[in-house]
């Protein structure tokens, strides 16, 4: 079946021939391949001096996200302010099910709170100044800090009196000024036996 049609790009009349694509019967919207290629070029973003192609409501994805942050309500979408379950920061959620402000916070919440390394018990505290690169701090260090009421210097060393690395009771811990004094204490102990 043939119909008189107007080109969507150049607006010249032409005779449209019915085409079938994926079981649907459609008509061509362009009079030639050149018009089709010109007509399918993406529209630029409506923001001045932005050359990205528009994706949502005439805005590129960057400017759309900026508008979402600015406005409480944009194009029928509601902005949801939530508090991150891991770090407590307020953030703009992209969905109602989102519980964390970032992928890093989600990863930190999934991993275990307590692990054992080289016999020592370590607790997950990523914001502690003495945390390792994975965010864990030795429990005996935290107990001693709480006992003396100040942060422990890197030079200071902690000794387990009963030599059990897992027993982190405050009465079982002894603080030394530096690692050398801790080592000399162990040498004296060995020679006295």
Protein backbone atom coordinates (compact mmCIF):
# COMPACT_ATOMS: atom_id res chain seq x y z
CA UNK A 1 0.00 0.00 0.00
CA UNK A 2 1.34 3.45 -0.91
CA UNK A 3 0.57 6.71 0.88
CA UNK A 4 1.44 10.33 0.33
CA UNK A 5 3.76 11.30 3.13
CA UNK A 6 5.80 14.35 4.24
CA UNK A 7 9.51 13.92 5.06
CA UNK A 8 10.19 14.49 8.76
CA UNK A 9 13.47 16.30 7.99
CA UNK A 10 13.10 18.32 4.77
CA UNK A 11 9.25 18.41 4.80
CA UNK A 12 8.99 17.49 1.08
CA UNK A 13 6.10 15.24 0.06
CA UNK A 14 6.96 11.69 -1.05
CA UNK A 15 5.24 8.38 -1.60
CA UNK A 16 5.71 6.15 1.44
CA UNK A 17 5.97 2.39 1.06
CA UNK A 18 4.90 0.18 3.93
CA UNK A 19 7.76 -1.71 5.61
CA UNK A 20 7.57 -4.49 8.15
CA UNK A 21 10.05 -4.54 11.01
CA UNK A 22 9.78 -7.17 13.75
CA UNK A 23 6.23 -7.98 12.81
CA UNK A 24 5.04 -4.35 12.90
CA UNK A 25 3.89 -2.58 9.79
CA UNK A 26 5.40 0.87 9.61
CA UNK A 27 5.97 3.60 7.01
CA UNK A 28 9.17 5.42 6.28
CA UNK A 29 9.37 8.87 7.86
CA UNK A 30 12.12 10.22 5.55
CA UNK A 31 12.21 10.64 1.79
CA UNK A 32 15.87 9.58 1.40
CA UNK A 33 18.83 8.09 3.27
CA UNK A 34 20.46 11.54 3.53
CA UNK A 35 17.35 12.98 5.23
CA UNK A 36 17.19 10.00 7.56
CA UNK A 37 20.83 10.39 8.63
CA UNK A 38 20.40 14.14 9.12
CA UNK A 39 17.13 13.70 10.98
CA UNK A 40 18.52 11.10 13.38
CA UNK A 41 21.41 13.28 14.56
CA UNK A 42 21.10 13.82 18.31
CA UNK A 43 19.92 17.15 19.59
CA UNK A 44 22.43 19.16 21.65
CA UNK A 45 21.86 19.92 25.30
CA UNK A 46 19.75 23.06 25.87
CA UNK A 47 22.38 24.51 28.25
CA UNK A 48 24.43 27.20 26.50
CA UNK A 49 27.99 26.14 25.51
CA UNK A 50 27.28 22.45 26.21
CA UNK A 51 28.00 20.25 23.19
CA UNK A 52 26.86 16.94 24.66
CA UNK A 53 23.80 15.27 23.19
CA UNK A 54 20.55 15.61 25.07
CA UNK A 55 19.18 12.52 26.75
CA UNK A 56 16.45 13.53 29.21
CA UNK A 57 14.09 16.48 28.74
CA UNK A 58 16.55 18.32 26.46
CA UNK A 59 19.42 18.07 28.96
CA UNK A 60 22.56 15.96 28.83
CA UNK A 61 23.06 13.52 31.69
CA UNK A 62 25.50 15.86 33.51
CA UNK A 63 23.12 18.85 33.52
CA UNK A 64 20.12 16.65 34.34
CA UNK A 65 21.89 15.38 37.47
CA UNK A 66 22.77 18.97 38.44
CA UNK A 67 19.13 19.99 38.09
CA UNK A 68 18.04 16.99 40.16
CA UNK A 69 20.38 18.12 42.96
CA UNK A 70 19.08 21.72 42.80
CA UNK A 71 15.35 21.11 42.65
CA UNK A 72 13.20 19.16 45.06
CA UNK A 73 10.87 18.27 42.23
CA UNK A 74 11.99 18.09 38.61
CA UNK A 75 9.89 16.62 35.81
CA UNK A 76 7.70 14.68 38.24
CA UNK A 77 10.62 13.00 40.06
CA UNK A 78 10.89 13.46 43.82
CA UNK A 79 14.19 13.98 45.58
CA UNK A 80 14.72 11.70 48.56
CA UNK A 81 17.08 12.86 51.32
CA UNK A 82 18.42 9.89 53.28
CA UNK A 83 21.04 9.23 55.93
CA UNK A 84 23.78 6.70 55.12
CA UNK A 85 23.56 3.64 57.39
CA UNK A 86 27.35 3.35 57.55
CA UNK A 87 28.78 6.88 57.93
CA UNK A 88 25.68 8.94 58.86
CA UNK A 89 26.05 11.50 56.04
CA UNK A 90 22.87 12.94 54.46
CA UNK A 91 22.74 12.27 50.71
CA UNK A 92 20.30 12.38 47.78
CA UNK A 93 19.04 8.88 47.05
CA UNK A 94 18.42 7.83 43.46
CA UNK A 95 15.91 5.18 44.54
CA UNK A 96 13.84 4.38 47.61
CA UNK A 97 15.81 1.19 48.28
CA UNK A 98 19.21 2.91 48.40
CA UNK A 99 20.70 2.70 51.93
CA UNK A 100 24.30 3.92 51.49
CA UNK A 101 25.80 7.16 50.15
CA UNK A 102 28.52 5.42 48.11
CA UNK A 103 29.82 2.05 46.98
CA UNK A 104 32.64 2.32 49.54
CA UNK A 105 30.16 2.67 52.43
CA UNK A 106 28.19 -0.32 51.15
CA UNK A 107 31.37 -2.41 51.01
CA UNK A 108 32.35 -1.38 54.54
CA UNK A 109 28.94 -2.38 55.88
CA UNK A 110 29.05 -5.84 54.28
CA UNK A 111 32.45 -6.87 55.61
CA UNK A 112 32.84 -8.36 59.10
CA UNK A 113 33.30 -6.09 62.14
CA UNK A 114 35.88 -8.38 63.77
CA UNK A 115 38.72 -10.32 62.17
CA UNK A 116 41.85 -12.06 63.48
CA UNK A 117 45.29 -11.29 62.04
CA UNK A 118 48.51 -12.79 63.41
CA UNK A 119 46.60 -13.82 66.52
CA UNK A 120 45.38 -10.29 67.32
CA UNK A 121 41.72 -9.35 67.31
CA UNK A 122 40.99 -6.42 64.96
CA UNK A 123 37.86 -4.28 64.82
CA UNK A 124 36.51 -2.36 61.83
CA UNK A 125 36.92 1.39 62.49
CA UNK A 126 37.89 2.98 59.15
CA UNK A 127 37.98 6.57 60.48
CA UNK A 128 40.39 5.81 63.36
CA UNK A 129 43.84 7.44 62.93
CA UNK A 130 45.65 4.12 63.58
CA UNK A 131 43.46 2.07 61.18
CA UNK A 132 45.28 -0.01 58.57
CA UNK A 133 44.58 0.34 54.84
CA UNK A 134 41.56 -1.98 55.14
CA UNK A 135 40.07 0.05 58.01
CA UNK A 136 40.80 -2.30 60.92
CA UNK A 137 42.32 -1.37 64.31
CA UNK A 138 43.79 -3.76 66.88
CA UNK A 139 41.41 -4.21 69.80
CA UNK A 140 44.17 -4.04 72.44
CA UNK A 141 45.11 -0.60 71.10
CA UNK A 142 41.52 0.64 71.53
CA UNK A 143 41.25 -0.82 75.04
CA UNK A 144 44.51 0.83 76.12
CA UNK A 145 43.45 4.19 74.64
CA UNK A 146 40.23 3.96 76.64
CA UNK A 147 42.13 2.97 79.80
CA UNK A 148 44.64 5.86 79.73
CA UNK A 149 42.21 8.36 78.19
CA UNK A 150 44.35 9.52 75.25
CA UNK A 151 45.40 8.26 71.80
CA UNK A 152 48.45 6.01 71.72
CA UNK A 153 51.53 7.25 69.85
CA UNK A 154 53.05 5.16 67.09
CA UNK A 155 56.26 4.79 69.13
CA UNK A 156 54.44 3.28 72.12
CA UNK A 157 54.00 -0.47 72.42
CA UNK A 158 51.42 -2.60 74.26
CA UNK A 159 52.27 -5.83 76.08
CA UNK A 160 49.86 -8.66 76.96
CA UNK A 161 50.83 -9.70 80.50
CA UNK A 162 49.58 -13.31 80.17
CA UNK A 163 51.00 -13.53 76.60
CA UNK A 164 47.52 -14.34 75.24
CA UNK A 165 46.96 -12.03 72.25
CA UNK A 166 43.17 -12.41 72.37
CA UNK A 167 42.83 -11.48 76.08
CA UNK A 168 42.38 -7.70 75.78
CA UNK A 169 41.12 -7.02 79.30
CA UNK A 170 42.48 -3.65 80.59
CA UNK A 171 44.18 -5.38 83.55
CA UNK A 172 46.05 -7.68 81.13
CA UNK A 173 47.61 -4.83 79.11
CA UNK A 174 50.81 -2.92 79.88
CA UNK A 175 52.04 0.18 77.99
CA UNK A 176 55.71 0.74 77.07
CA UNK A 177 57.23 4.03 75.86
CA UNK A 178 58.76 2.41 72.79
CA UNK A 179 59.25 -0.96 71.13
CA UNK A 180 62.85 -1.25 72.43
CA UNK A 181 61.74 -1.19 76.08
CA UNK A 182 59.10 -3.81 75.28
CA UNK A 183 61.74 -6.09 73.72
CA UNK A 184 64.15 -5.60 76.65
CA UNK A 185 61.31 -6.49 79.07
CA UNK A 186 60.83 -9.81 77.20
CA UNK A 187 64.62 -10.48 77.28
CA UNK A 188 64.76 -9.91 81.05
CA UNK A 189 61.78 -12.17 81.50
CA UNK A 190 63.46 -14.94 79.47
CA UNK A 191 66.79 -14.74 81.35
CA UNK A 192 65.11 -14.71 84.78
CA UNK A 193 63.37 -18.06 84.13
